[in-house]
Amino acid sequence: MPGIRPFDARALLVPEDRAAARAFTQRLRAEGRLPPVNTAATVIVMVVLCVLLGGFGVVALVLLVVFASVLREGAVVVGILFGIPALLLIGVVVSIPFLMRRTQRTQEDRRWRLAGFARDVGMEYVPALPDPALPGAIFHIGDARTAYDMLRAPLPRFVEVGNHSYTVSNGKTTTTSRWGYIAVRLDVPLPHIVLDAVGNGARLGSWERGQHLSLEGDFDRYFRLYCPEGYERDALYLFTPDVMARFIDNAAVLEVEIIDEWMFLVAPQELSTTDPARWAWVFSVIAALLDKLEQWGRWRDDRLSVEAAAAAPAPSGGSAPTGAPAPVAWPQPPVGVAAPGRRLRRTSPWLILGIALGILFVGGLVFTLGPLVALSFVR
């Protein structure tokens, strides 16, 4: 990959240096590249636990004093039964600071190693970015959206490898989802195209069936391609056999989304980690695909030329000189995508719900009326 130095994973394998890792995290916070630690929440949790522990101990002691004369020898057994939960709660309270410190050290070490790795391969390390302004599907789901542990390189084209997390609330339950992604900036905006990897257990969305395009060869065994209706020829222009082969050989486990001037390769697990083997694979994917993206820069949407011609003012009444041929203009379509190709149409969740309810209704009718119909024939 010209512009990015050769793969060098030594920074990910160096011995642990807690002092250096801690100093690096402190520098990030001082530069405003990491949010400050929220110690108030930790103190509140500890105070609440201590109050609960103290209250439980007082209640247990009062009960033992009040009922000691009644319980007699059984007071010892009751005291043990009350004491076991109290000891467990004490253990939890005492272990929380140690667990928090261990987690903090792990995060500090991770940032320090990734920053060293980024330096050695000629990339920039960005520790965290709340609500990243990227158009991909995963960046517009849920709340508390945050991209983290990102490595960026501007050449040969802008490439960013990182992780993204968000939370989704469903009543009283909150779920945190984490994705890994590779973001590549393209030369020109392209139609919205999604390659849904077959068998990886992840989906970027539900798209209307009429937008599914079957490609030649073995491509359909690895990906289901979705493109806006009317852009089938454009998708075939972009996904030539050699390009399809690169995706099959190098990115068959990734979800792929092309939207505006970006291409996102998305995985349902973190891609930016301290694992050298994972980074070696990520670099191989990037190197395999980048040299095939040059031809995409020549794509133009002919629909924009039609729109421009329709909106152009009528020619003036002047005429060309006698005997001179009329000039012929062959305008190049402008860069961009017409409105119908900018976004895929999603499947309506209400339609899916209606179909499911319809199936349940029909099934219920068959289950309840079926035996009655059978008995009527028997009679």
Protein backbone atom coordinates (compact mmCIF):
# COMPACT_ATOMS: atom_id res chain seq x y z
CA MET A 1 0.00 0.00 0.00
CA PRO A 2 1.91 3.10 -1.20
CA GLY A 3 1.82 5.86 1.40
CA ILE A 4 1.49 3.41 4.27
CA ARG A 5 4.67 1.87 5.63
CA PRO A 6 5.20 -1.90 5.52
CA PHE A 7 3.27 -3.90 8.12
CA ASP A 8 5.14 -3.82 11.43
CA ALA A 9 3.42 -5.34 14.49
CA ARG A 10 6.29 -5.09 16.98
CA ALA A 11 4.53 -2.36 18.99
CA LEU A 12 1.67 -4.78 19.66
CA LEU A 13 4.04 -7.40 21.10
CA VAL A 14 6.41 -5.35 23.28
CA PRO A 15 6.51 -6.10 27.04
CA GLU A 16 4.00 -4.30 29.23
CA ASP A 17 5.02 -0.83 30.43
CA ARG A 18 2.38 0.44 32.86
CA ALA A 19 4.08 3.79 33.45
CA ALA A 20 4.33 4.60 29.74
CA ALA A 21 0.76 3.45 29.08
CA ARG A 22 -0.58 5.56 31.96
CA ALA A 23 1.39 8.63 30.87
CA PHE A 24 0.09 8.24 27.30
CA THR A 25 -3.54 8.12 28.46
CA GLN A 26 -2.99 11.14 30.70
CA ARG A 27 -1.56 13.05 27.74
CA LEU A 28 -4.60 12.14 25.63
CA ARG A 29 -6.92 13.48 28.32
CA ALA A 30 -4.87 16.65 28.70
CA GLU A 31 -5.09 17.24 24.93
CA GLY A 32 -8.87 16.73 25.01
CA ARG A 33 -8.70 13.59 22.84
CA LEU A 34 -10.29 11.48 25.58
CA PRO A 35 -13.23 12.41 27.81
CA PRO A 36 -12.37 12.98 31.50
CA VAL A 37 -12.92 10.13 33.92
CA ASN A 38 -16.33 10.29 35.58
CA THR A 39 -15.30 9.70 39.19
CA ALA A 40 -18.58 11.03 40.58
CA ALA A 41 -20.53 8.01 39.30
CA THR A 42 -18.00 5.64 40.87
CA VAL A 43 -18.19 7.43 44.22
CA ILE A 44 -22.00 7.33 44.15
CA VAL A 45 -22.02 3.58 43.47
CA MET A 46 -19.56 2.94 46.29
CA VAL A 47 -21.56 5.09 48.73
CA VAL A 48 -24.81 3.31 47.84
CA LEU A 49 -23.21 -0.11 48.34
CA CYS A 50 -21.73 0.94 51.67
CA VAL A 51 -25.10 2.29 52.83
CA LEU A 52 -26.80 -0.95 51.82
CA LEU A 53 -24.12 -2.97 53.58
CA GLY A 54 -24.37 -0.87 56.73
CA GLY A 55 -28.16 -0.96 56.71
CA PHE A 56 -28.20 -4.72 56.24
CA GLY A 57 -25.76 -5.16 59.13
CA VAL A 58 -27.79 -2.93 61.48
CA VAL A 59 -31.05 -4.74 60.65
CA ALA A 60 -29.43 -8.14 61.14
CA LEU A 61 -27.93 -7.08 64.50
CA VAL A 62 -31.24 -5.67 65.78
CA LEU A 63 -33.11 -8.83 64.79
CA LEU A 64 -30.58 -11.04 66.52
CA VAL A 65 -30.78 -8.98 69.75
CA VAL A 66 -34.60 -8.94 69.72
CA PHE A 67 -35.04 -12.65 69.02
CA ALA A 68 -31.97 -14.00 70.85
CA SER A 69 -34.00 -15.07 73.87
CA VAL A 70 -36.47 -16.92 71.65
CA LEU A 71 -33.96 -18.53 69.34
CA ARG A 72 -31.45 -19.45 72.06
CA GLU A 73 -29.03 -21.96 70.52
CA GLY A 74 -30.52 -21.27 67.08
CA ALA A 75 -29.30 -17.68 67.26
CA VAL A 76 -25.85 -18.83 66.15
CA VAL A 77 -27.29 -20.53 63.05
CA VAL A 78 -29.38 -17.47 62.21
CA GLY A 79 -26.33 -15.25 62.69
CA ILE A 80 -24.36 -17.37 60.24
CA LEU A 81 -27.20 -17.23 57.70
CA PHE A 82 -27.26 -13.45 57.98
CA GLY A 83 -23.47 -13.24 57.97
CA ILE A 84 -22.87 -15.10 54.70
CA PRO A 85 -24.72 -12.53 52.51
CA ALA A 86 -23.03 -9.72 54.42
CA LEU A 87 -19.58 -11.22 53.75
CA LEU A 88 -20.43 -11.65 50.06
CA LEU A 89 -21.52 -8.01 49.84
CA ILE A 90 -18.33 -6.90 51.60
CA GLY A 91 -16.32 -8.90 49.09
CA VAL A 92 -18.10 -7.20 46.20
CA VAL A 93 -17.53 -3.73 47.66
CA VAL A 94 -13.84 -4.43 48.31
CA SER A 95 -13.22 -5.98 44.88
CA ILE A 96 -14.85 -3.18 42.84
CA PRO A 97 -11.87 -0.76 43.05
CA PHE A 98 -9.44 -3.54 42.10
CA LEU A 99 -11.58 -4.60 39.12
CA MET A 100 -11.95 -1.00 37.98
CA ARG A 101 -8.21 -0.42 38.21
CA ARG A 102 -7.51 -3.61 36.28
CA THR A 103 -9.92 -2.56 33.53
CA GLN A 104 -8.35 0.87 33.42
CA ARG A 105 -4.85 -0.63 33.07
CA THR A 106 -6.04 -2.87 30.24
CA GLN A 107 -7.49 0.12 28.37
CA GLU A 108 -4.36 2.20 28.93
CA ASP A 109 -2.14 -0.62 27.64
CA ARG A 110 -4.40 -1.09 24.60
CA ARG A 111 -4.27 2.61 23.66
CA TRP A 112 -0.50 2.74 24.10
CA ARG A 113 0.09 -0.32 21.92
CA LEU A 114 -2.29 0.81 19.15
CA ALA A 115 -0.70 4.26 19.08
CA GLY A 116 2.75 2.69 18.73
CA PHE A 117 1.52 0.39 15.98
CA ALA A 118 -0.08 3.34 14.15
CA ARG A 119 3.18 5.29 14.37
CA ASP A 120 5.21 2.38 12.97
CA VAL A 121 2.94 1.85 9.94
CA GLY A 122 2.52 5.55 9.14
CA MET A 123 -1.03 6.02 10.40
CA GLU A 124 -2.70 8.31 12.94
CA TYR A 125 -4.27 6.95 16.12
CA VAL A 126 -7.59 8.48 17.24
CA PRO A 127 -8.72 7.11 20.62
CA ALA A 128 -12.42 8.04 20.49
CA LEU A 129 -14.93 10.09 18.48
CA PRO A 130 -18.53 10.53 19.69
CA ASP A 131 -21.25 10.29 17.04
CA PRO A 132 -18.98 10.07 13.96
CA ALA A 133 -20.28 11.92 10.88
CA LEU A 134 -20.19 8.94 8.52
CA PRO A 135 -23.09 7.88 6.29
CA GLY A 136 -22.85 4.12 6.85
CA ALA A 137 -25.78 2.18 8.28
CA ILE A 138 -24.10 1.25 11.58
CA PHE A 139 -23.41 4.91 12.38
CA HIS A 140 -27.10 5.82 12.56
CA ILE A 141 -28.42 3.15 14.94
CA GLY A 142 -29.22 3.52 18.64
CA ASP A 143 -27.87 5.98 21.17
CA ALA A 144 -24.46 6.75 22.72
CA ARG A 145 -22.84 6.20 19.32
CA THR A 146 -19.04 6.23 19.60
CA ALA A 147 -16.21 5.26 17.28
CA TYR A 148 -13.03 4.26 19.11
CA ASP A 149 -9.48 2.94 18.58
CA MET A 150 -9.34 4.32 15.04
CA LEU A 151 -6.26 4.22 12.82
CA ARG A 152 -6.25 6.61 9.84
CA ALA A 153 -4.09 7.10 6.77
CA PRO A 154 -4.61 9.77 4.06
CA LEU A 155 -2.70 7.98 1.28
CA PRO A 156 -3.00 6.38 -1.23
CA ARG A 157 -6.60 7.33 -0.35
CA PHE A 158 -8.21 8.04 3.00
CA VAL A 159 -8.57 4.79 4.95
CA GLU A 160 -9.83 4.41 8.51
CA VAL A 161 -9.93 1.20 10.56
CA GLY A 162 -11.83 1.34 13.83
CA ASN A 163 -14.57 0.05 16.07
CA HIS A 164 -18.04 1.47 16.66
CA SER A 165 -20.45 0.96 19.56
CA TYR A 166 -24.02 2.03 20.28
CA THR A 167 -26.78 1.15 22.71
CA VAL A 168 -30.34 0.12 21.90
CA SER A 169 -33.02 0.34 24.60
CA ASN A 170 -35.98 -2.03 24.57
CA GLY A 171 -38.15 -1.18 27.54
CA LYS A 172 -36.09 -1.89 30.65
CA THR A 173 -33.34 -3.71 28.74
CA THR A 174 -30.38 -1.90 27.19
CA THR A 175 -28.09 -3.72 24.75
CA THR A 176 -24.68 -2.52 23.59
CA SER A 177 -23.58 -3.54 20.09
CA ARG A 178 -20.00 -3.37 18.85
CA TRP A 179 -18.83 -3.46 15.24
CA GLY A 180 -15.50 -3.24 13.51
CA TYR A 181 -15.21 -1.32 10.26
CA ILE A 182 -12.88 -0.32 7.45
CA ALA A 183 -13.86 3.00 5.85
CA VAL A 184 -12.41 3.87 2.43
CA ARG A 185 -13.05 7.23 0.76
CA LEU A 186 -13.80 6.86 -2.94
CA ASP A 187 -12.99 9.25 -5.79
CA VAL A 188 -16.63 9.98 -6.70
CA PRO A 189 -20.05 9.40 -5.11
CA LEU A 190 -21.55 6.06 -6.16
CA PRO A 191 -25.03 4.53 -5.99
CA HIS A 192 -26.06 3.00 -2.68
CA ILE A 193 -25.01 -0.66 -2.93
CA VAL A 194 -24.95 -3.26 -0.16
CA LEU A 195 -23.22 -6.63 -0.26
CA ASP A 196 -24.80 -8.83 2.40
CA ALA A 197 -22.28 -11.55 3.24
CA VAL A 198 -23.92 -14.98 3.26
CA GLY A 199 -23.53 -16.89 6.50
CA ASN A 200 -21.73 -14.37 8.74
CA GLY A 201 -24.79 -13.82 10.96
CA ALA A 202 -24.84 -10.03 10.44
CA ARG A 203 -26.99 -7.68 8.38
CA LEU A 204 -26.78 -3.94 7.81
CA GLY A 205 -30.52 -3.66 7.19
CA SER A 206 -33.56 -5.13 5.51
CA TRP A 207 -33.92 -4.08 1.89
CA GLU A 208 -36.85 -4.46 -0.49
CA ARG A 209 -36.58 -7.62 -2.60
CA GLY A 210 -36.95 -5.80 -5.90
CA GLN A 211 -33.49 -4.29 -5.33
CA HIS A 212 -31.68 -7.64 -5.22
CA LEU A 213 -29.38 -8.21 -8.20
CA SER A 214 -27.99 -11.65 -9.00
CA LEU A 215 -24.48 -11.64 -10.45
CA GLU A 216 -22.69 -14.22 -12.53
CA GLY A 217 -20.33 -16.92 -11.37
CA ASP A 218 -20.03 -17.90 -7.71
CA PHE A 219 -20.61 -14.39 -6.38
CA ASP A 220 -24.14 -15.17 -5.15
CA ARG A 221 -22.73 -17.98 -2.99
CA TYR A 222 -20.85 -15.37 -0.93
CA PHE A 223 -22.85 -12.14 -1.22
CA ARG A 224 -26.37 -10.91 -1.89
CA LEU A 225 -26.04 -7.64 -3.78
CA TYR A 226 -28.66 -4.90 -3.39
CA CYS A 227 -28.75 -1.81 -5.61
CA PRO A 228 -31.46 0.78 -6.33
CA GLU A 229 -33.89 -0.18 -9.07
CA GLY A 230 -32.73 1.15 -12.42
CA TYR A 231 -29.05 0.96 -11.41
CA GLU A 232 -28.47 -2.68 -12.32
CA ARG A 233 -26.21 -1.80 -15.28
CA ASP A 234 -24.22 0.56 -13.07
CA ALA A 235 -23.69 -2.20 -10.50
CA LEU A 236 -22.46 -4.51 -13.26
CA TYR A 237 -20.05 -1.78 -14.39
CA LEU A 238 -18.64 -1.46 -10.88
CA PHE A 239 -18.54 -5.17 -10.04
CA THR A 240 -16.63 -6.59 -12.95
CA PRO A 241 -15.45 -10.23 -12.67
CA ASP A 242 -12.00 -9.20 -11.39
CA VAL A 243 -13.53 -6.96 -8.71
CA MET A 244 -15.96 -9.70 -7.68
CA ALA A 245 -13.05 -12.11 -7.36
CA ARG A 246 -11.20 -9.73 -5.02
CA PHE A 247 -14.25 -9.42 -2.75
CA ILE A 248 -14.77 -13.19 -2.69
CA ASP A 249 -11.12 -13.94 -1.93
CA ASN A 250 -10.52 -11.22 0.65
CA ALA A 251 -13.78 -9.87 2.13
CA ALA A 252 -16.28 -12.73 2.05
CA VAL A 253 -16.87 -12.52 5.83
CA LEU A 254 -17.55 -8.76 5.81
CA GLU A 255 -20.68 -6.74 5.16
CA VAL A 256 -19.99 -4.16 2.45
CA GLU A 257 -21.82 -0.87 1.99
CA ILE A 258 -21.13 1.68 -0.74
CA ILE A 259 -22.84 4.96 0.00
CA ASP A 260 -22.08 8.47 -1.27
CA GLU A 261 -18.28 8.65 -1.66
CA TRP A 262 -17.55 5.96 0.94
CA MET A 263 -17.11 2.21 1.05
CA PHE A 264 -17.52 0.50 4.42
CA LEU A 265 -16.42 -3.05 5.17
CA VAL A 266 -18.11 -4.04 8.41
CA ALA A 267 -17.65 -6.97 10.80
CA PRO A 268 -19.83 -7.93 13.81
CA GLN A 269 -16.72 -7.86 16.04
CA GLU A 270 -13.88 -5.43 16.69
CA LEU A 271 -11.28 -5.05 13.95
CA SER A 272 -8.97 -2.59 15.72
CA THR A 273 -7.43 -4.77 18.43
CA THR A 274 -3.99 -5.64 19.81
CA ASP A 275 -3.98 -8.94 17.88
CA PRO A 276 -1.24 -8.83 15.21
CA ALA A 277 -2.89 -11.62 13.19
CA ARG A 278 -6.11 -9.63 12.87
CA TRP A 279 -4.24 -6.53 11.76
CA ALA A 280 -2.30 -8.57 9.19
CA TRP A 281 -5.62 -9.76 7.75
CA VAL A 282 -7.07 -6.20 7.77
CA PHE A 283 -4.03 -4.90 5.88
CA SER A 284 -4.35 -7.71 3.33
CA VAL A 285 -8.01 -6.80 2.72
CA ILE A 286 -7.17 -3.12 2.23
CA ALA A 287 -4.25 -3.85 -0.09
CA ALA A 288 -6.31 -6.27 -2.18
CA LEU A 289 -9.16 -3.83 -2.75
CA LEU A 290 -7.49 -0.43 -3.10
CA ASP A 291 -5.91 -1.06 -6.49
CA LYS A 292 -9.31 -2.13 -7.87
CA LEU A 293 -11.05 1.11 -6.91
CA GLU A 294 -9.35 3.30 -9.51
CA GLN A 295 -11.81 2.25 -12.22
CA TRP A 296 -14.74 3.24 -9.99
CA GLY A 297 -13.55 6.85 -10.19
CA ARG A 298 -14.51 6.93 -13.88
CA TRP A 299 -18.18 6.07 -13.22
CA ARG A 300 -20.73 8.76 -14.03
CA ASP A 301 -24.50 8.78 -13.63
CA ASP A 302 -26.05 9.42 -17.08
CA ARG A 303 -29.30 10.43 -15.38
CA LEU A 304 -27.65 13.64 -14.20
CA SER A 305 -26.95 14.63 -17.83
CA VAL A 306 -30.61 14.11 -18.67
CA GLU A 307 -31.66 16.19 -15.67
CA ALA A 308 -29.18 18.94 -16.58
CA ALA A 309 -30.39 19.00 -20.21
CA ALA A 310 -34.01 19.24 -19.06
CA ALA A 311 -33.19 22.13 -16.74
CA ALA A 312 -31.00 24.01 -19.25
CA PRO A 313 -32.45 27.23 -20.76
CA ALA A 314 -33.65 27.16 -24.36
CA PRO A 315 -31.10 28.33 -26.98
CA SER A 316 -31.31 31.92 -28.26
CA GLY A 317 -32.67 32.80 -31.67
CA GLY A 318 -29.22 33.33 -33.21
CA SER A 319 -28.20 31.10 -36.09
CA ALA A 320 -24.91 29.65 -37.22
CA PRO A 321 -23.15 31.17 -40.29
CA THR A 322 -24.37 29.96 -43.66
CA GLY A 323 -22.72 26.74 -44.71
CA ALA A 324 -21.13 26.11 -41.26
CA PRO A 325 -22.13 22.86 -39.53
CA ALA A 326 -24.03 23.18 -36.30
CA PRO A 327 -21.78 22.53 -33.28
CA VAL A 328 -22.36 19.24 -31.54
CA ALA A 329 -21.77 19.11 -27.78
CA TRP A 330 -21.07 15.86 -25.95
CA PRO A 331 -21.19 16.95 -22.36
CA GLN A 332 -19.57 14.75 -19.73
CA PRO A 333 -22.07 13.76 -17.01
CA PRO A 334 -21.33 15.63 -13.79
CA VAL A 335 -19.98 13.87 -10.72
CA GLY A 336 -22.72 12.65 -8.41
CA VAL A 337 -25.69 10.33 -8.16
CA ALA A 338 -29.27 11.09 -9.15
CA ALA A 339 -31.83 11.02 -6.34
CA PRO A 340 -33.23 7.51 -7.08
CA GLY A 341 -29.80 5.94 -6.68
CA ARG A 342 -28.63 7.64 -3.50
CA ARG A 343 -30.39 5.37 -1.02
CA LEU A 344 -31.76 1.85 -1.06
CA ARG A 345 -35.37 1.38 0.01
CA ARG A 346 -35.69 -0.40 3.32
CA THR A 347 -38.33 -2.99 4.08
CA SER A 348 -41.06 -1.47 6.26
CA PRO A 349 -41.17 -3.08 9.74
CA TRP A 350 -44.94 -2.57 9.76
CA LEU A 351 -45.22 -4.66 6.60
CA ILE A 352 -43.22 -7.46 8.21
CA LEU A 353 -45.37 -7.23 11.34
CA GLY A 354 -48.54 -7.34 9.26
CA ILE A 355 -47.36 -10.42 7.37
CA ALA A 356 -46.44 -12.15 10.63
CA LEU A 357 -49.82 -11.35 12.17
CA GLY A 358 -51.55 -12.57 9.02
CA ILE A 359 -49.68 -15.87 9.18
CA LEU A 360 -50.59 -16.26 12.86
CA PHE A 361 -54.24 -15.46 12.09
CA VAL A 362 -54.44 -17.99 9.27
CA GLY A 363 -52.64 -20.57 11.39
CA GLY A 364 -55.10 -19.98 14.22
CA LEU A 365 -58.05 -20.44 11.89
CA VAL A 366 -56.63 -23.69 10.55
CA PHE A 367 -55.90 -24.94 14.07
CA THR A 368 -59.37 -24.14 15.39
CA LEU A 369 -61.57 -24.78 12.35
CA GLY A 370 -59.63 -27.68 10.88
CA PRO A 371 -60.93 -30.33 13.30
CA LEU A 372 -64.53 -29.07 12.86
CA VAL A 373 -64.26 -29.33 9.06
CA ALA A 374 -62.79 -32.82 9.38
CA LEU A 375 -65.66 -33.93 11.64
CA SER A 376 -68.22 -32.56 9.20
CA PHE A 377 -66.77 -34.75 6.42
CA VAL A 378 -66.74 -37.78 8.72
CA ARG A 379 -70.44 -37.34 9.47
